[in-house]
């Protein structure tokens, strides 16, 4: 869900996805490259992300990922599921006393 959300903002390369998640979470979330790239490949295989090669800020070519129409639908479904889960956990925490 987090990768889809970051890719929804603009085309972005893998390492920048890691940096953005870390930055937005105030360093609470740190994803390792060894976990990110297999996830990116799976999301692309499912048709949720598309990629193309572009020049990165460094001047080198990098694979940039962006959200597909199917990926936008999946992101919305994931966000709705996350909200339901958070609400259910809150209910348990508030009434378990």
N, C-alpha and C. Protein backbone atom coordinates (compact mmCIF):
# COMPACT_ATOMS: atom_id res chain seq x y z
N UNK A 1 0.82 -1.19 0.00
CA UNK A 1 0.00 0.00 0.00
C UNK A 1 0.87 1.26 0.00
N UNK A 2 1.93 1.25 0.79
CA UNK A 2 2.79 2.43 0.86
C UNK A 2 3.49 2.69 -0.46
N UNK A 3 3.96 1.64 -1.09
CA UNK A 3 4.63 1.80 -2.38
C UNK A 3 3.66 2.36 -3.41
N UNK A 4 2.44 1.82 -3.43
CA UNK A 4 1.43 2.32 -4.37
C UNK A 4 1.14 3.79 -4.11
N UNK A 5 1.06 4.17 -2.85
CA UNK A 5 0.76 5.56 -2.51
C UNK A 5 1.86 6.50 -2.99
N UNK A 6 3.09 6.11 -2.79
CA UNK A 6 4.21 6.96 -3.22
C UNK A 6 4.25 7.05 -4.74
N UNK A 7 4.03 5.94 -5.41
CA UNK A 7 4.06 5.93 -6.88
C UNK A 7 2.87 6.68 -7.47
N UNK A 8 1.82 6.88 -6.69
CA UNK A 8 0.64 7.61 -7.17
C UNK A 8 0.93 9.10 -7.32
N UNK A 9 1.93 9.59 -6.61
CA UNK A 9 2.22 11.02 -6.60
C UNK A 9 2.89 11.48 -7.89
N UNK A 10 3.83 10.68 -8.38
CA UNK A 10 4.57 11.02 -9.60
C UNK A 10 5.44 9.81 -9.94
N UNK A 11 5.91 9.69 -11.18
CA UNK A 11 6.86 8.62 -11.50
C UNK A 11 8.09 8.75 -10.60
N UNK A 12 8.56 7.62 -10.08
CA UNK A 12 9.63 7.66 -9.09
C UNK A 12 10.44 6.37 -9.17
N UNK A 13 11.75 6.47 -8.97
CA UNK A 13 12.60 5.28 -9.01
C UNK A 13 12.65 4.62 -7.63
N UNK A 14 13.08 3.38 -7.62
CA UNK A 14 13.04 2.57 -6.41
C UNK A 14 13.70 3.19 -5.19
N UNK A 15 14.93 3.64 -5.34
CA UNK A 15 15.63 4.20 -4.19
C UNK A 15 14.90 5.43 -3.65
N UNK A 16 14.32 6.23 -4.53
CA UNK A 16 13.57 7.41 -4.09
C UNK A 16 12.30 7.00 -3.33
N UNK A 17 11.72 5.86 -3.68
CA UNK A 17 10.56 5.35 -2.94
C UNK A 17 10.97 5.08 -1.50
N UNK A 18 12.11 4.41 -1.32
CA UNK A 18 12.61 4.14 0.03
C UNK A 18 12.81 5.43 0.82
N UNK A 19 13.45 6.38 0.18
CA UNK A 19 13.73 7.66 0.85
C UNK A 19 12.44 8.38 1.23
N UNK A 20 11.47 8.37 0.32
CA UNK A 20 10.22 9.11 0.56
C UNK A 20 9.42 8.48 1.71
N UNK A 21 9.34 7.16 1.75
CA UNK A 21 8.64 6.48 2.84
C UNK A 21 9.32 6.79 4.17
N UNK A 22 10.62 6.73 4.17
CA UNK A 22 11.38 7.03 5.39
C UNK A 22 11.14 8.48 5.82
N UNK A 23 11.20 9.39 4.87
CA UNK A 23 11.01 10.81 5.17
C UNK A 23 9.60 11.09 5.70
N UNK A 24 8.59 10.58 5.01
CA UNK A 24 7.20 10.85 5.42
C UNK A 24 6.84 10.21 6.75
N UNK A 25 7.53 9.13 7.11
CA UNK A 25 7.25 8.46 8.39
C UNK A 25 8.15 8.96 9.51
N UNK A 26 8.87 10.04 9.26
CA UNK A 26 9.83 10.57 10.24
C UNK A 26 10.81 9.50 10.71
N UNK A 27 11.30 8.74 9.75
CA UNK A 27 12.29 7.68 9.97
C UNK A 27 11.77 6.48 10.75
N UNK A 28 10.46 6.40 11.00
CA UNK A 28 9.90 5.25 11.71
C UNK A 28 9.86 4.01 10.82
N UNK A 29 9.69 4.21 9.52
CA UNK A 29 9.64 3.10 8.57
C UNK A 29 10.88 3.13 7.70
N UNK A 30 11.61 2.04 7.72
CA UNK A 30 12.79 1.93 6.88
C UNK A 30 12.73 0.59 6.15
N UNK A 31 12.57 0.67 4.86
CA UNK A 31 12.46 -0.52 4.03
C UNK A 31 13.81 -0.79 3.39
N UNK A 32 14.22 -2.01 3.44
CA UNK A 32 15.51 -2.38 2.83
C UNK A 32 15.33 -2.61 1.33
N UNK A 33 16.37 -2.30 0.58
CA UNK A 33 16.32 -2.48 -0.87
C UNK A 33 16.03 -3.94 -1.24
N UNK A 34 16.53 -4.87 -0.43
CA UNK A 34 16.29 -6.29 -0.69
C UNK A 34 14.83 -6.69 -0.56
N UNK A 35 14.05 -5.88 0.14
CA UNK A 35 12.61 -6.11 0.25
C UNK A 35 11.84 -5.31 -0.79
N UNK A 36 12.33 -4.13 -1.10
CA UNK A 36 11.61 -3.24 -2.01
C UNK A 36 11.54 -3.78 -3.43
N UNK A 37 12.67 -4.17 -3.99
CA UNK A 37 12.69 -4.51 -5.41
C UNK A 37 11.85 -5.74 -5.73
N UNK A 38 11.86 -6.80 -4.93
CA UNK A 38 10.92 -7.90 -5.20
C UNK A 38 9.46 -7.44 -5.12
N UNK A 39 9.16 -6.54 -4.20
CA UNK A 39 7.80 -6.01 -4.09
C UNK A 39 7.43 -5.21 -5.34
N UNK A 40 8.36 -4.40 -5.84
CA UNK A 40 8.10 -3.63 -7.06
C UNK A 40 7.83 -4.55 -8.24
N UNK A 41 8.60 -5.63 -8.35
CA UNK A 41 8.40 -6.58 -9.45
C UNK A 41 7.02 -7.23 -9.34
N UNK A 42 6.62 -7.62 -8.12
CA UNK A 42 5.29 -8.23 -7.93
C UNK A 42 4.17 -7.25 -8.29
N UNK A 43 4.31 -6.01 -7.86
CA UNK A 43 3.28 -5.01 -8.16
C UNK A 43 3.20 -4.75 -9.66
N UNK A 44 4.33 -4.78 -10.31
CA UNK A 44 4.34 -4.60 -11.76
C UNK A 44 3.70 -5.80 -12.47
N UNK A 45 4.01 -7.01 -11.99
CA UNK A 45 3.41 -8.22 -12.58
C UNK A 45 1.89 -8.23 -12.43
N UNK A 46 1.40 -7.70 -11.33
CA UNK A 46 -0.05 -7.64 -11.10
C UNK A 46 -0.73 -6.54 -11.90
N UNK A 47 0.06 -5.69 -12.54
CA UNK A 47 -0.50 -4.62 -13.35
C UNK A 47 -0.83 -3.37 -12.56
N UNK A 48 -0.35 -3.28 -11.33
CA UNK A 48 -0.64 -2.13 -10.48
C UNK A 48 0.37 -1.01 -10.70
N UNK A 49 1.56 -1.37 -11.15
CA UNK A 49 2.60 -0.40 -11.47
C UNK A 49 3.05 -0.62 -12.90
N UNK A 50 3.51 0.44 -13.53
CA UNK A 50 4.18 0.33 -14.82
C UNK A 50 5.53 1.01 -14.65
N UNK A 51 6.47 0.65 -15.50
CA UNK A 51 7.80 1.23 -15.36
C UNK A 51 8.36 1.60 -16.72
N UNK A 52 9.26 2.55 -16.68
CA UNK A 52 10.04 2.88 -17.87
C UNK A 52 11.36 3.48 -17.42
N UNK A 53 12.34 3.39 -18.30
CA UNK A 53 13.67 3.88 -17.99
C UNK A 53 13.76 5.37 -18.29
N UNK A 54 14.27 6.11 -17.33
CA UNK A 54 14.45 7.55 -17.47
C UNK A 54 15.77 7.95 -16.81
N UNK A 55 16.23 9.12 -17.12
CA UNK A 55 17.43 9.65 -16.46
C UNK A 55 17.05 10.12 -15.06
N UNK A 56 17.79 9.65 -14.09
CA UNK A 56 17.59 10.07 -12.69
C UNK A 56 18.34 11.37 -12.43
N UNK A 57 18.18 11.89 -11.23
CA UNK A 57 18.86 13.14 -10.85
C UNK A 57 20.37 13.01 -10.99
N UNK A 58 20.86 11.79 -10.79
CA UNK A 58 22.30 11.54 -10.86
C UNK A 58 22.81 11.54 -12.30
N UNK A 59 21.87 11.53 -13.27
CA UNK A 59 22.26 11.48 -14.66
C UNK A 59 22.27 10.07 -15.22
N UNK A 60 22.25 9.08 -14.34
CA UNK A 60 22.21 7.69 -14.78
C UNK A 60 20.77 7.28 -15.07
N UNK A 61 20.61 6.29 -15.93
CA UNK A 61 19.28 5.77 -16.20
C UNK A 61 18.80 4.93 -15.02
N UNK A 62 17.53 5.08 -14.69
CA UNK A 62 16.91 4.32 -13.61
C UNK A 62 15.50 3.93 -14.04
N UNK A 63 15.02 2.87 -13.45
CA UNK A 63 13.66 2.43 -13.74
C UNK A 63 12.71 3.24 -12.86
N UNK A 64 11.82 3.99 -13.50
CA UNK A 64 10.84 4.80 -12.79
C UNK A 64 9.50 4.09 -12.80
N UNK A 65 8.83 4.09 -11.66
CA UNK A 65 7.56 3.41 -11.49
C UNK A 65 6.44 4.43 -11.35
N UNK A 66 5.30 4.11 -11.94
CA UNK A 66 4.11 4.93 -11.78
C UNK A 66 2.90 4.02 -11.65
N UNK A 67 1.86 4.56 -11.07
CA UNK A 67 0.65 3.80 -10.81
C UNK A 67 -0.19 3.67 -12.08
N UNK A 68 -0.75 2.50 -12.29
CA UNK A 68 -1.67 2.29 -13.41
C UNK A 68 -3.09 2.56 -12.93
N UNK A 69 -4.03 2.53 -13.85
CA UNK A 69 -5.44 2.70 -13.48
C UNK A 69 -5.86 1.58 -12.53
N UNK A 70 -5.44 0.37 -12.83
CA UNK A 70 -5.73 -0.77 -11.96
C UNK A 70 -5.06 -0.58 -10.59
N UNK A 71 -3.86 -0.02 -10.60
CA UNK A 71 -3.16 0.26 -9.35
C UNK A 71 -3.87 1.30 -8.50
N UNK A 72 -4.48 2.29 -9.13
CA UNK A 72 -5.25 3.29 -8.38
C UNK A 72 -6.45 2.65 -7.68
N UNK A 73 -7.12 1.75 -8.39
CA UNK A 73 -8.25 1.05 -7.77
C UNK A 73 -7.77 0.19 -6.61
N UNK A 74 -6.64 -0.48 -6.80
CA UNK A 74 -6.10 -1.31 -5.73
C UNK A 74 -5.69 -0.47 -4.53
N UNK A 75 -5.09 0.67 -4.77
CA UNK A 75 -4.69 1.57 -3.68
C UNK A 75 -5.91 2.00 -2.88
N UNK A 76 -6.98 2.36 -3.55
CA UNK A 76 -8.20 2.76 -2.84
C UNK A 76 -8.76 1.60 -2.02
N UNK A 77 -8.72 0.39 -2.56
CA UNK A 77 -9.19 -0.79 -1.83
C UNK A 77 -8.31 -1.05 -0.61
N UNK A 78 -7.00 -0.92 -0.78
CA UNK A 78 -6.06 -1.12 0.33
C UNK A 78 -6.27 -0.08 1.43
N UNK A 79 -6.47 1.17 1.03
CA UNK A 79 -6.71 2.23 2.02
C UNK A 79 -7.99 1.98 2.80
N UNK A 80 -9.04 1.55 2.11
CA UNK A 80 -10.31 1.26 2.79
C UNK A 80 -10.15 0.10 3.76
N UNK A 81 -9.43 -0.92 3.34
CA UNK A 81 -9.18 -2.07 4.21
C UNK A 81 -8.37 -1.66 5.43
N UNK A 82 -7.36 -0.82 5.22
CA UNK A 82 -6.53 -0.33 6.33
C UNK A 82 -7.37 0.46 7.33
N UNK A 83 -8.25 1.31 6.83
CA UNK A 83 -9.10 2.11 7.72
C UNK A 83 -10.02 1.21 8.55
N UNK A 84 -10.58 0.17 7.92
CA UNK A 84 -11.43 -0.78 8.66
C UNK A 84 -10.63 -1.50 9.74
N UNK A 85 -9.42 -1.91 9.41
CA UNK A 85 -8.57 -2.60 10.38
C UNK A 85 -8.22 -1.68 11.54
N UNK A 86 -7.84 -0.44 11.26
CA UNK A 86 -7.50 0.52 12.32
C UNK A 86 -8.70 0.78 13.23
N UNK A 87 -9.87 0.91 12.64
CA UNK A 87 -11.10 1.15 13.42
C UNK A 87 -11.39 -0.05 14.31
N UNK A 88 -11.22 -1.26 13.80
CA UNK A 88 -11.48 -2.46 14.59
C UNK A 88 -10.49 -2.57 15.75
N UNK A 89 -9.23 -2.27 15.48
CA UNK A 89 -8.23 -2.33 16.56
C UNK A 89 -8.53 -1.27 17.61
N UNK A 90 -8.92 -0.08 17.19
CA UNK A 90 -9.27 0.98 18.13
C UNK A 90 -10.45 0.55 19.02
N UNK A 91 -11.42 -0.08 18.43
CA UNK A 91 -12.57 -0.55 19.21
C UNK A 91 -12.12 -1.53 20.30
N UNK A 92 -11.27 -2.44 19.95
CA UNK A 92 -10.77 -3.43 20.93
C UNK A 92 -9.97 -2.74 22.01
N UNK A 93 -9.10 -1.82 21.63
CA UNK A 93 -8.26 -1.14 22.63
C UNK A 93 -9.10 -0.29 23.56
N UNK A 94 -10.13 0.37 23.04
CA UNK A 94 -10.95 1.25 23.86
C UNK A 94 -11.91 0.50 24.76
N UNK A 95 -12.32 -0.70 24.39
CA UNK A 95 -13.33 -1.42 25.17
C UNK A 95 -12.76 -2.61 25.93
N UNK A 96 -11.47 -2.85 25.83
CA UNK A 96 -10.88 -4.01 26.49
C UNK A 96 -10.56 -3.78 27.96
N UNK A 97 -10.79 -2.60 28.48
CA UNK A 97 -10.48 -2.31 29.90
C UNK A 97 -11.47 -2.96 30.84
